[in-house]
């Protein structure tokens, strides 16, 4: 039967997409606190921006623009949102991040002002000498701020939690995992022999979590923040930026100025944490793969996790040897 003249015919794909947009719009609006919902006049007043684990949106409410963060499925199992809120508030008070306008410690829903002139760093920009020096100054300030976060970021405990959750979700572990696991966890004793300090750290320093603004660099996304070895943040920024040994040395050289440590001493911990980050985030990838309802995203997480696991596996011999050589005589 022919459709009546002027009747719009939607195929199954178009109808499904429209339903998904409607559900997404309802989810966004439901996440807003009551005092902000009155400004919502059209469902189109938002757009999806960035984020792998969480769903982030740029919202237009009245004449103002905001960023809404909706936590990803299952993240409450391994992220303490109440700790994140306290740490974020402390970092904002100290000037290291923009303050939040709304932060629900139960659900993890967070709203901040959208900074119009802010530009996230990328791995290419991170290599510029002036940016590299500015990042070193930012991290030195954070680590030397004296802030006390309400929790400790412990990679060894987190790895065991991720592994347990992955097994509950029947994840397919990487070939060689059972052989690498005891060596990864064994680094706890070697790192402990270095007597590294614990300070307030960001702990998820991909370049995109650093924004360049008219006032300078600022940090965002404090989900994994906590007390930790400052070498973890340096390791993360170098690893996620794809730095060469020379670029890594330049960052560490700038960072240690005025500090009671050397680039050589710091680099030992940095290299160990780079391995542990590959190990930890490969387990995180298993969780994301298992939780994903999109086959394409599940494949992305699988390939991402495999690449990080394999890179870590090929570095473990060198990491163990470097740590052993750095320990005081007779400590092994």
C-alpha atoms as a PDB file:
ATOM      1  CA  UNK A   1       0.000   0.000   0.000  1.00  0.00           C
ATOM      2  CA  UNK A   2       1.373   3.406  -0.950  1.00  0.00           C
ATOM      3  CA  UNK A   3       1.798   5.961   1.817  1.00  0.00           C
ATOM      4  CA  UNK A   4      -0.469   8.953   1.758  1.00  0.00           C
ATOM      5  CA  UNK A   5       0.935  12.041   0.115  1.00  0.00           C
ATOM      6  CA  UNK A   6       3.006  14.077   2.583  1.00  0.00           C
ATOM      7  CA  UNK A   7       3.451  11.188   5.015  1.00  0.00           C
ATOM      8  CA  UNK A   8       7.050  10.771   6.156  1.00  0.00           C
ATOM      9  CA  UNK A   9       8.257   7.177   5.943  1.00  0.00           C
ATOM     10  CA  UNK A  10      11.028   6.154   8.357  1.00  0.00           C
ATOM     11  CA  UNK A  11      13.065   3.027   7.883  1.00  0.00           C
ATOM     12  CA  UNK A  12      13.908   0.749  10.846  1.00  0.00           C
ATOM     13  CA  UNK A  13      17.376   2.308  11.157  1.00  0.00           C
ATOM     14  CA  UNK A  14      16.053   5.874  11.250  1.00  0.00           C
ATOM     15  CA  UNK A  15      13.348   4.974  13.743  1.00  0.00           C
ATOM     16  CA  UNK A  16      15.866   3.210  15.995  1.00  0.00           C
ATOM     17  CA  UNK A  17      18.190   6.217  15.895  1.00  0.00           C
ATOM     18  CA  UNK A  18      15.314   8.556  16.768  1.00  0.00           C
ATOM     19  CA  UNK A  19      14.321   6.371  19.722  1.00  0.00           C
ATOM     20  CA  UNK A  20      17.905   6.324  20.974  1.00  0.00           C
ATOM     21  CA  UNK A  21      18.130  10.124  20.710  1.00  0.00           C
ATOM     22  CA  UNK A  22      14.862  10.464  22.645  1.00  0.00           C
ATOM     23  CA  UNK A  23      16.077   8.125  25.413  1.00  0.00           C
ATOM     24  CA  UNK A  24      19.421   9.916  25.584  1.00  0.00           C
ATOM     25  CA  UNK A  25      17.691  13.290  25.863  1.00  0.00           C
ATOM     26  CA  UNK A  26      15.521  12.011  28.705  1.00  0.00           C
ATOM     27  CA  UNK A  27      18.608  10.621  30.465  1.00  0.00           C
ATOM     28  CA  UNK A  28      20.409  13.963  30.185  1.00  0.00           C
ATOM     29  CA  UNK A  29      17.465  15.952  31.471  1.00  0.00           C
ATOM     30  CA  UNK A  30      16.824  13.513  34.345  1.00  0.00           C
ATOM     31  CA  UNK A  31      20.432  13.940  35.508  1.00  0.00           C
ATOM     32  CA  UNK A  32      20.028  17.685  35.991  1.00  0.00           C
ATOM     33  CA  UNK A  33      19.285  19.022  39.480  1.00  0.00           C
ATOM     34  CA  UNK A  34      15.814  20.554  39.805  1.00  0.00           C
ATOM     35  CA  UNK A  35      17.165  24.112  39.916  1.00  0.00           C
ATOM     36  CA  UNK A  36      18.602  23.679  36.393  1.00  0.00           C
ATOM     37  CA  UNK A  37      15.800  21.743  34.675  1.00  0.00           C
ATOM     38  CA  UNK A  38      13.643  24.853  34.339  1.00  0.00           C
ATOM     39  CA  UNK A  39      16.132  26.201  31.772  1.00  0.00           C
ATOM     40  CA  UNK A  40      15.674  23.202  29.449  1.00  0.00           C
ATOM     41  CA  UNK A  41      13.375  24.239  26.637  1.00  0.00           C
ATOM     42  CA  UNK A  42      14.460  21.949  23.776  1.00  0.00           C
ATOM     43  CA  UNK A  43      15.894  18.429  23.756  1.00  0.00           C
ATOM     44  CA  UNK A  44      18.486  19.535  21.200  1.00  0.00           C
ATOM     45  CA  UNK A  45      20.249  21.814  23.688  1.00  0.00           C
ATOM     46  CA  UNK A  46      23.144  19.445  24.281  1.00  0.00           C
ATOM     47  CA  UNK A  47      25.892  17.696  22.363  1.00  0.00           C
ATOM     48  CA  UNK A  48      28.064  14.690  23.170  1.00  0.00           C
ATOM     49  CA  UNK A  49      31.747  15.471  23.804  1.00  0.00           C
ATOM     50  CA  UNK A  50      34.702  13.177  24.514  1.00  0.00           C
ATOM     51  CA  UNK A  51      35.009  10.432  27.070  1.00  0.00           C
ATOM     52  CA  UNK A  52      35.544   6.689  26.789  1.00  0.00           C
ATOM     53  CA  UNK A  53      34.384   5.458  30.182  1.00  0.00           C
ATOM     54  CA  UNK A  54      31.802   8.167  30.926  1.00  0.00           C
ATOM     55  CA  UNK A  55      29.291  10.028  28.799  1.00  0.00           C
ATOM     56  CA  UNK A  56      30.081  13.748  28.676  1.00  0.00           C
ATOM     57  CA  UNK A  57      27.819  16.434  27.245  1.00  0.00           C
ATOM     58  CA  UNK A  58      28.052  20.113  26.486  1.00  0.00           C
ATOM     59  CA  UNK A  59      24.783  21.596  27.743  1.00  0.00           C
ATOM     60  CA  UNK A  60      23.152  24.879  26.777  1.00  0.00           C
ATOM     61  CA  UNK A  61      20.879  26.109  29.558  1.00  0.00           C
ATOM     62  CA  UNK A  62      19.559  29.589  28.958  1.00  0.00           C
ATOM     63  CA  UNK A  63      22.544  31.673  27.855  1.00  0.00           C
ATOM     64  CA  UNK A  64      25.136  29.544  29.679  1.00  0.00           C
ATOM     65  CA  UNK A  65      27.081  26.463  28.580  1.00  0.00           C
ATOM     66  CA  UNK A  66      27.973  23.640  30.945  1.00  0.00           C
ATOM     67  CA  UNK A  67      29.622  20.224  30.908  1.00  0.00           C
ATOM     68  CA  UNK A  68      27.605  17.296  32.254  1.00  0.00           C
ATOM     69  CA  UNK A  69      29.383  14.064  33.217  1.00  0.00           C
ATOM     70  CA  UNK A  70      27.297  10.877  33.412  1.00  0.00           C
ATOM     71  CA  UNK A  71      29.370   8.013  34.855  1.00  0.00           C
ATOM     72  CA  UNK A  72      29.779   4.904  32.727  1.00  0.00           C
ATOM     73  CA  UNK A  73      28.017   1.651  33.534  1.00  0.00           C
ATOM     74  CA  UNK A  74      29.596  -0.227  36.423  1.00  0.00           C
ATOM     75  CA  UNK A  75      32.184   2.433  37.297  1.00  0.00           C
ATOM     76  CA  UNK A  76      30.770   2.687  40.806  1.00  0.00           C
ATOM     77  CA  UNK A  77      32.263  -0.747  41.491  1.00  0.00           C
ATOM     78  CA  UNK A  78      35.805   0.600  41.344  1.00  0.00           C
ATOM     79  CA  UNK A  79      35.542   4.392  41.681  1.00  0.00           C
ATOM     80  CA  UNK A  80      34.568   6.002  44.989  1.00  0.00           C
ATOM     81  CA  UNK A  81      32.566   9.048  43.890  1.00  0.00           C
ATOM     82  CA  UNK A  82      32.474  10.541  47.390  1.00  0.00           C
ATOM     83  CA  UNK A  83      36.293  10.509  47.474  1.00  0.00           C
ATOM     84  CA  UNK A  84      36.403  11.971  43.986  1.00  0.00           C
ATOM     85  CA  UNK A  85      34.123  14.813  45.084  1.00  0.00           C
ATOM     86  CA  UNK A  86      36.227  15.636  48.149  1.00  0.00           C
ATOM     87  CA  UNK A  87      39.452  15.508  46.157  1.00  0.00           C
ATOM     88  CA  UNK A  88      37.992  17.640  43.371  1.00  0.00           C
ATOM     89  CA  UNK A  89      36.831  20.260  45.854  1.00  0.00           C
ATOM     90  CA  UNK A  90      40.284  20.360  47.473  1.00  0.00           C
ATOM     91  CA  UNK A  91      41.989  20.686  44.085  1.00  0.00           C
ATOM     92  CA  UNK A  92      39.572  23.435  43.020  1.00  0.00           C
ATOM     93  CA  UNK A  93      40.177  25.368  46.248  1.00  0.00           C
ATOM     94  CA  UNK A  94      43.919  25.142  45.588  1.00  0.00           C
ATOM     95  CA  UNK A  95      43.475  26.425  42.015  1.00  0.00           C
ATOM     96  CA  UNK A  96      44.357  23.238  40.100  1.00  0.00           C
ATOM     97  CA  UNK A  97      40.933  22.611  38.535  1.00  0.00           C
ATOM     98  CA  UNK A  98      37.676  24.454  37.822  1.00  0.00           C
ATOM     99  CA  UNK A  99      35.074  24.089  40.617  1.00  0.00           C
ATOM    100  CA  UNK A 100      31.980  21.976  40.047  1.00  0.00           C
ATOM    101  CA  UNK A 101      28.480  23.475  40.185  1.00  0.00           C
ATOM    102  CA  UNK A 102      26.856  20.161  41.038  1.00  0.00           C
ATOM    103  CA  UNK A 103      28.394  16.866  42.151  1.00  0.00           C
ATOM    104  CA  UNK A 104      26.232  14.021  43.395  1.00  0.00           C
ATOM    105  CA  UNK A 105      28.529  11.729  45.441  1.00  0.00           C
ATOM    106  CA  UNK A 106      25.999   8.897  45.189  1.00  0.00           C
ATOM    107  CA  UNK A 107      25.532   8.795  41.419  1.00  0.00           C
ATOM    108  CA  UNK A 108      28.709  10.558  40.316  1.00  0.00           C
ATOM    109  CA  UNK A 109      26.777  13.008  38.117  1.00  0.00           C
ATOM    110  CA  UNK A 110      28.843  16.187  37.854  1.00  0.00           C
ATOM    111  CA  UNK A 111      28.246  19.577  36.234  1.00  0.00           C
ATOM    112  CA  UNK A 112      30.842  22.279  35.639  1.00  0.00           C
ATOM    113  CA  UNK A 113      30.986  25.483  33.632  1.00  0.00           C
ATOM    114  CA  UNK A 114      32.090  25.031  30.029  1.00  0.00           C
ATOM    115  CA  UNK A 115      35.323  26.995  29.533  1.00  0.00           C
ATOM    116  CA  UNK A 116      34.955  28.509  26.074  1.00  0.00           C
ATOM    117  CA  UNK A 117      38.644  29.186  25.437  1.00  0.00           C
ATOM    118  CA  UNK A 118      39.912  25.894  26.887  1.00  0.00           C
ATOM    119  CA  UNK A 119      41.777  23.558  24.530  1.00  0.00           C
ATOM    120  CA  UNK A 120      42.750  20.022  25.616  1.00  0.00           C
ATOM    121  CA  UNK A 121      46.368  19.129  25.036  1.00  0.00           C
ATOM    122  CA  UNK A 122      47.223  16.346  22.647  1.00  0.00           C
ATOM    123  CA  UNK A 123      50.351  14.213  22.325  1.00  0.00           C
ATOM    124  CA  UNK A 124      51.730  16.433  19.557  1.00  0.00           C
ATOM    125  CA  UNK A 125      51.355  19.668  21.528  1.00  0.00           C
ATOM    126  CA  UNK A 126      52.728  18.035  24.677  1.00  0.00           C
ATOM    127  CA  UNK A 127      56.121  17.778  22.961  1.00  0.00           C
ATOM    128  CA  UNK A 128      56.526  21.541  22.547  1.00  0.00           C
ATOM    129  CA  UNK A 129      59.284  22.706  24.939  1.00  0.00           C
ATOM    130  CA  UNK A 130      57.172  25.516  26.413  1.00  0.00           C
ATOM    131  CA  UNK A 131      54.198  23.179  27.014  1.00  0.00           C
ATOM    132  CA  UNK A 132      56.451  20.506  28.455  1.00  0.00           C
ATOM    133  CA  UNK A 133      57.957  23.012  30.892  1.00  0.00           C
ATOM    134  CA  UNK A 134      54.488  24.297  31.846  1.00  0.00           C
ATOM    135  CA  UNK A 135      53.258  20.755  32.540  1.00  0.00           C
ATOM    136  CA  UNK A 136      56.322  20.075  34.708  1.00  0.00           C
ATOM    137  CA  UNK A 137      55.590  23.265  36.662  1.00  0.00           C
ATOM    138  CA  UNK A 138      51.904  22.335  37.054  1.00  0.00           C
ATOM    139  CA  UNK A 139      52.717  18.859  38.369  1.00  0.00           C
ATOM    140  CA  UNK A 140      55.465  20.133  40.621  1.00  0.00           C
ATOM    141  CA  UNK A 141      52.970  22.572  42.113  1.00  0.00           C
ATOM    142  CA  UNK A 142      50.328  19.889  42.592  1.00  0.00           C
ATOM    143  CA  UNK A 143      52.732  17.415  44.178  1.00  0.00           C
ATOM    144  CA  UNK A 144      54.264  20.064  46.403  1.00  0.00           C
ATOM    145  CA  UNK A 145      50.962  21.661  47.422  1.00  0.00           C
ATOM    146  CA  UNK A 146      50.657  19.802  50.716  1.00  0.00           C
ATOM    147  CA  UNK A 147      47.076  18.772  49.924  1.00  0.00           C
ATOM    148  CA  UNK A 148      45.879  15.604  51.623  1.00  0.00           C
ATOM    149  CA  UNK A 149      43.417  13.627  49.548  1.00  0.00           C
ATOM    150  CA  UNK A 150      40.930  11.399  51.335  1.00  0.00           C
ATOM    151  CA  UNK A 151      42.083   8.131  49.775  1.00  0.00           C
ATOM    152  CA  UNK A 152      45.150   6.325  48.517  1.00  0.00           C
ATOM    153  CA  UNK A 153      45.608   5.215  44.925  1.00  0.00           C
ATOM    154  CA  UNK A 154      47.200   1.758  45.178  1.00  0.00           C
ATOM    155  CA  UNK A 155      47.873   0.154  41.813  1.00  0.00           C
ATOM    156  CA  UNK A 156      48.330  -3.331  43.280  1.00  0.00           C
ATOM    157  CA  UNK A 157      44.987  -3.303  45.093  1.00  0.00           C
ATOM    158  CA  UNK A 158      43.252  -1.822  42.046  1.00  0.00           C
ATOM    159  CA  UNK A 159      44.723  -4.495  39.757  1.00  0.00           C
ATOM    160  CA  UNK A 160      43.325  -7.251  41.990  1.00  0.00           C
ATOM    161  CA  UNK A 161      39.898  -5.544  42.067  1.00  0.00           C
ATOM    162  CA  UNK A 162      39.863  -5.189  38.271  1.00  0.00           C
ATOM    163  CA  UNK A 163      40.912  -8.806  37.841  1.00  0.00           C
ATOM    164  CA  UNK A 164      38.181 -10.053  40.217  1.00  0.00           C
ATOM    165  CA  UNK A 165      35.502  -8.010  38.432  1.00  0.00           C
ATOM    166  CA  UNK A 166      36.750  -9.199  35.045  1.00  0.00           C
ATOM    167  CA  UNK A 167      36.472 -12.820  36.172  1.00  0.00           C
ATOM    168  CA  UNK A 168      32.938 -12.203  37.464  1.00  0.00           C
ATOM    169  CA  UNK A 169      32.092 -10.843  34.013  1.00  0.00           C
ATOM    170  CA  UNK A 170      33.655 -13.927  32.380  1.00  0.00           C
ATOM    171  CA  UNK A 171      36.247 -11.842  30.548  1.00  0.00           C
ATOM    172  CA  UNK A 172      38.705 -13.567  28.238  1.00  0.00           C
ATOM    173  CA  UNK A 173      42.141 -12.882  29.723  1.00  0.00           C
ATOM    174  CA  UNK A 174      45.166 -12.191  27.572  1.00  0.00           C
ATOM    175  CA  UNK A 175      47.539 -15.041  26.674  1.00  0.00           C
ATOM    176  CA  UNK A 176      50.379 -15.051  29.203  1.00  0.00           C
ATOM    177  CA  UNK A 177      48.411 -13.244  31.918  1.00  0.00           C
ATOM    178  CA  UNK A 178      48.939 -15.971  34.532  1.00  0.00           C
ATOM    179  CA  UNK A 179      52.709 -15.701  34.025  1.00  0.00           C
ATOM    180  CA  UNK A 180      52.878 -11.903  34.061  1.00  0.00           C
ATOM    181  CA  UNK A 181      50.593 -11.348  37.075  1.00  0.00           C
ATOM    182  CA  UNK A 182      52.998 -12.552  39.831  1.00  0.00           C
ATOM    183  CA  UNK A 183      55.837 -10.518  38.338  1.00  0.00           C
ATOM    184  CA  UNK A 184      53.651  -7.395  38.186  1.00  0.00           C
ATOM    185  CA  UNK A 185      52.515  -7.784  41.797  1.00  0.00           C
ATOM    186  CA  UNK A 186      56.091  -8.578  42.819  1.00  0.00           C
ATOM    187  CA  UNK A 187      57.112  -5.023  41.918  1.00  0.00           C
ATOM    188  CA  UNK A 188      55.383  -3.860  45.114  1.00  0.00           C
ATOM    189  CA  UNK A 189      58.306  -5.129  47.198  1.00  0.00           C
ATOM    190  CA  UNK A 190      60.912  -3.627  44.867  1.00  0.00           C
ATOM    191  CA  UNK A 191      59.208  -0.231  44.731  1.00  0.00           C
ATOM    192  CA  UNK A 192      58.755  -0.279  48.494  1.00  0.00           C
ATOM    193  CA  UNK A 193      62.528  -0.485  48.843  1.00  0.00           C
ATOM    194  CA  UNK A 194      62.855   2.909  47.168  1.00  0.00           C
ATOM    195  CA  UNK A 195      60.918   4.606  50.013  1.00  0.00           C
ATOM    196  CA  UNK A 196      59.053   6.887  47.651  1.00  0.00           C
ATOM    197  CA  UNK A 197      56.760   9.590  49.186  1.00  0.00           C
ATOM    198  CA  UNK A 198      52.970   9.707  48.823  1.00  0.00           C
ATOM    199  CA  UNK A 199      51.457  13.047  47.789  1.00  0.00           C
ATOM    200  CA  UNK A 200      48.241  14.320  46.213  1.00  0.00           C
ATOM    201  CA  UNK A 201      48.201  12.996  42.632  1.00  0.00           C
ATOM    202  CA  UNK A 202      45.847  13.140  39.666  1.00  0.00           C
ATOM    203  CA  UNK A 203      46.641   9.565  38.514  1.00  0.00           C
ATOM    204  CA  UNK A 204      45.039   9.756  35.031  1.00  0.00           C
ATOM    205  CA  UNK A 205      47.270  12.155  33.156  1.00  0.00           C
ATOM    206  CA  UNK A 206      46.424  11.607  29.533  1.00  0.00           C
ATOM    207  CA  UNK A 207      47.221  14.884  27.716  1.00  0.00           C
ATOM    208  CA  UNK A 208      43.501  15.522  27.159  1.00  0.00           C
ATOM    209  CA  UNK A 209      42.987  15.868  30.921  1.00  0.00           C
ATOM    210  CA  UNK A 210      45.097  19.030  30.830  1.00  0.00           C
ATOM    211  CA  UNK A 211      43.370  22.107  29.408  1.00  0.00           C
ATOM    212  CA  UNK A 212      45.189  25.140  28.047  1.00  0.00           C
ATOM    213  CA  UNK A 213      43.264  28.294  28.964  1.00  0.00           C
ATOM    214  CA  UNK A 214      43.952  32.004  28.875  1.00  0.00           C
ATOM    215  CA  UNK A 215      45.008  31.750  32.532  1.00  0.00           C
ATOM    216  CA  UNK A 216      47.360  28.814  31.934  1.00  0.00           C
ATOM    217  CA  UNK A 217      47.089  25.042  32.303  1.00  0.00           C
ATOM    218  CA  UNK A 218      44.405  23.408  34.427  1.00  0.00           C
ATOM    219  CA  UNK A 219      43.551  19.789  35.247  1.00  0.00           C
ATOM    220  CA  UNK A 220      40.222  18.015  34.786  1.00  0.00           C
ATOM    221  CA  UNK A 221      38.794  14.538  35.518  1.00  0.00           C
ATOM    222  CA  UNK A 222      39.741  13.569  39.078  1.00  0.00           C
ATOM    223  CA  UNK A 223      38.109  10.124  39.107  1.00  0.00           C
ATOM    224  CA  UNK A 224      41.332   8.317  39.976  1.00  0.00           C
ATOM    225  CA  UNK A 225      42.826  11.016  42.193  1.00  0.00           C
ATOM    226  CA  UNK A 226      44.364  10.047  45.515  1.00  0.00           C
ATOM    227  CA  UNK A 227      47.580   9.936  47.498  1.00  0.00           C
ATOM    228  CA  UNK A 228      50.274   8.267  45.413  1.00  0.00           C
ATOM    229  CA  UNK A 229      53.912   8.381  44.368  1.00  0.00           C
ATOM    230  CA  UNK A 230      54.305  11.560  42.252  1.00  0.00           C
ATOM    231  CA  UNK A 231      56.296   9.498  39.749  1.00  0.00           C
ATOM    232  CA  UNK A 232      52.987   7.910  38.726  1.00  0.00           C
ATOM    233  CA  UNK A 233      51.699  11.193  37.247  1.00  0.00           C
ATOM    234  CA  UNK A 234      54.966  11.788  35.417  1.00  0.00           C
ATOM    235  CA  UNK A 235      54.968   8.223  34.105  1.00  0.00           C
ATOM    236  CA  UNK A 236      51.390   8.606  32.906  1.00  0.00           C
ATOM    237  CA  UNK A 237      51.968  11.859  31.040  1.00  0.00           C
ATOM    238  CA  UNK A 238      55.102  10.537  29.332  1.00  0.00           C
ATOM    239  CA  UNK A 239      53.528   7.208  28.403  1.00  0.00           C
ATOM    240  CA  UNK A 240      50.202   8.586  27.162  1.00  0.00           C
ATOM    241  CA  UNK A 241      51.988  11.307  25.173  1.00  0.00           C
ATOM    242  CA  UNK A 242      54.227   8.743  23.480  1.00  0.00           C
ATOM    243  CA  UNK A 243      57.392  10.542  24.583  1.00  0.00           C
ATOM    244  CA  UNK A 244      60.798   9.470  23.363  1.00  0.00           C
ATOM    245  CA  UNK A 245      63.526   8.906  26.000  1.00  0.00           C
ATOM    246  CA  UNK A 246      64.861  12.362  25.201  1.00  0.00           C
ATOM    247  CA  UNK A 247      61.456  14.038  25.692  1.00  0.00           C
ATOM    248  CA  UNK A 248      60.896  12.117  28.911  1.00  0.00           C
ATOM    249  CA  UNK A 249      64.270  13.255  30.223  1.00  0.00           C
ATOM    250  CA  UNK A 250      63.421  16.864  29.350  1.00  0.00           C
ATOM    251  CA  UNK A 251      60.177  16.688  31.374  1.00  0.00           C
ATOM    252  CA  UNK A 252      61.866  15.080  34.376  1.00  0.00           C
ATOM    253  CA  UNK A 253      64.767  17.550  34.235  1.00  0.00           C
ATOM    254  CA  UNK A 254      62.323  20.453  34.370  1.00  0.00           C
ATOM    255  CA  UNK A 255      60.309  18.786  37.144  1.00  0.00           C
ATOM    256  CA  UNK A 256      63.233  18.078  39.527  1.00  0.00           C
ATOM    257  CA  UNK A 257      64.467  21.676  39.584  1.00  0.00           C
ATOM    258  CA  UNK A 258      64.552  22.720  43.233  1.00  0.00           C
ATOM    259  CA  UNK A 259      63.699  19.211  44.440  1.00  0.00           C
ATOM    260  CA  UNK A 260      65.794  16.842  46.514  1.00  0.00           C
ATOM    261  CA  UNK A 261      66.019  14.128  43.868  1.00  0.00           C
ATOM    262  CA  UNK A 262      67.745  13.439  40.555  1.00  0.00           C
ATOM    263  CA  UNK A 263      66.422  12.590  37.113  1.00  0.00           C
ATOM    264  CA  UNK A 264      68.131   9.203  37.337  1.00  0.00           C
ATOM    265  CA  UNK A 265      66.458   8.329  40.656  1.00  0.00           C
ATOM    266  CA  UNK A 266      63.075   9.541  39.478  1.00  0.00           C
ATOM    267  CA  UNK A 267      63.272   7.731  36.132  1.00  0.00           C
ATOM    268  CA  UNK A 268      63.593   4.328  37.853  1.00  0.00           C
ATOM    269  CA  UNK A 269      60.175   4.789  39.500  1.00  0.00           C
ATOM    270  CA  UNK A 270      58.718   6.350  36.337  1.00  0.00           C
ATOM    271  CA  UNK A 271      59.659   3.325  34.230  1.00  0.00           C
ATOM    272  CA  UNK A 272      58.246   0.884  36.792  1.00  0.00           C
ATOM    273  CA  UNK A 273      54.962   2.772  36.915  1.00  0.00           C
ATOM    274  CA  UNK A 274      54.746   2.890  33.138  1.00  0.00           C
ATOM    275  CA  UNK A 275      54.804  -0.900  33.128  1.00  0.00           C
ATOM    276  CA  UNK A 276      52.221  -1.038  35.936  1.00  0.00           C
ATOM    277  CA  UNK A 277      49.967   1.385  34.067  1.00  0.00           C
ATOM    278  CA  UNK A 278      50.015  -0.842  31.007  1.00  0.00           C
ATOM    279  CA  UNK A 279      49.193  -3.803  33.248  1.00  0.00           C
ATOM    280  CA  UNK A 280      46.406  -1.992  35.146  1.00  0.00           C
ATOM    281  CA  UNK A 281      44.726  -0.392  32.140  1.00  0.00           C
ATOM    282  CA  UNK A 282      44.836  -3.663  30.211  1.00  0.00           C
ATOM    283  CA  UNK A 283      42.683  -5.112  33.035  1.00  0.00           C
ATOM    284  CA  UNK A 284      40.462  -2.003  32.920  1.00  0.00           C
ATOM    285  CA  UNK A 285      39.995  -2.695  29.207  1.00  0.00           C
ATOM    286  CA  UNK A 286      38.653  -6.166  30.001  1.00  0.00           C
ATOM    287  CA  UNK A 287      35.969  -4.553  32.180  1.00  0.00           C
ATOM    288  CA  UNK A 288      35.027  -2.094  29.447  1.00  0.00           C
ATOM    289  CA  UNK A 289      34.928  -4.835  26.822  1.00  0.00           C
ATOM    290  CA  UNK A 290      32.607  -6.946  28.981  1.00  0.00           C
ATOM    291  CA  UNK A 291      30.335  -3.974  29.801  1.00  0.00           C
ATOM    292  CA  UNK A 292      30.055  -2.651  26.247  1.00  0.00           C
ATOM    293  CA  UNK A 293      26.783  -3.219  24.408  1.00  0.00           C
ATOM    294  CA  UNK A 294      28.310  -2.033  21.151  1.00  0.00           C
ATOM    295  CA  UNK A 295      30.312  -4.765  19.349  1.00  0.00           C
ATOM    296  CA  UNK A 296      32.475  -2.130  17.714  1.00  0.00           C
ATOM    297  CA  UNK A 297      33.416  -0.569  21.043  1.00  0.00           C
ATOM    298  CA  UNK A 298      33.968  -4.010  22.580  1.00  0.00           C
ATOM    299  CA  UNK A 299      36.463  -4.755  19.816  1.00  0.00           C
ATOM    300  CA  UNK A 300      38.138  -1.382  20.376  1.00  0.00           C
ATOM    301  CA  UNK A 301      38.614  -2.096  24.092  1.00  0.00           C
ATOM    302  CA  UNK A 302      39.919  -5.580  23.315  1.00  0.00           C
ATOM    303  CA  UNK A 303      42.536  -4.322  20.904  1.00  0.00           C
ATOM    304  CA  UNK A 304      43.481  -1.429  23.197  1.00  0.00           C
ATOM    305  CA  UNK A 305      43.922  -3.786  26.146  1.00  0.00           C
ATOM    306  CA  UNK A 306      45.918  -6.298  24.127  1.00  0.00           C
ATOM    307  CA  UNK A 307      48.325  -3.622  22.920  1.00  0.00           C
ATOM    308  CA  UNK A 308      48.951  -2.349  26.454  1.00  0.00           C
ATOM    309  CA  UNK A 309      49.336  -5.836  27.897  1.00  0.00           C
ATOM    310  CA  UNK A 310      51.826  -6.820  25.201  1.00  0.00           C
ATOM    311  CA  UNK A 311      53.862  -3.646  25.637  1.00  0.00           C
ATOM    312  CA  UNK A 312      54.064  -4.288  29.359  1.00  0.00           C
ATOM    313  CA  UNK A 313      54.975  -7.941  28.876  1.00  0.00           C
ATOM    314  CA  UNK A 314      57.949  -7.036  26.704  1.00  0.00           C
ATOM    315  CA  UNK A 315      59.274  -4.553  29.311  1.00  0.00           C
ATOM    316  CA  UNK A 316      59.055  -6.559  32.526  1.00  0.00           C
ATOM    317  CA  UNK A 317      62.606  -7.974  32.375  1.00  0.00           C
ATOM    318  CA  UNK A 318      64.149  -4.517  32.021  1.00  0.00           C
ATOM    319  CA  UNK A 319      61.909  -3.065  34.768  1.00  0.00           C
ATOM    320  CA  UNK A 320      62.860  -5.745  37.289  1.00  0.00           C
ATOM    321  CA  UNK A 321      66.555  -5.313  36.539  1.00  0.00           C
ATOM    322  CA  UNK A 322      66.409  -1.502  36.766  1.00  0.00           C
ATOM    323  CA  UNK A 323      64.597  -1.593  40.112  1.00  0.00           C
ATOM    324  CA  UNK A 324      66.935  -4.210  41.560  1.00  0.00           C
ATOM    325  CA  UNK A 325      69.963  -2.137  40.564  1.00  0.00           C
ATOM    326  CA  UNK A 326      68.524   0.990  42.217  1.00  0.00           C
ATOM    327  CA  UNK A 327      67.869  -0.616  45.607  1.00  0.00           C
ATOM    328  CA  UNK A 328      70.327  -0.136  48.461  1.00  0.00           C
ATOM    329  CA  UNK A 329      72.837  -2.958  48.840  1.00  0.00           C
ATOM    330  CA  UNK A 330      71.533  -5.887  50.852  1.00  0.00           C
ATOM    331  CA  UNK A 331      67.864  -4.829  50.614  1.00  0.00           C
ATOM    332  CA  UNK A 332      66.845  -7.702  48.333  1.00  0.00           C
END
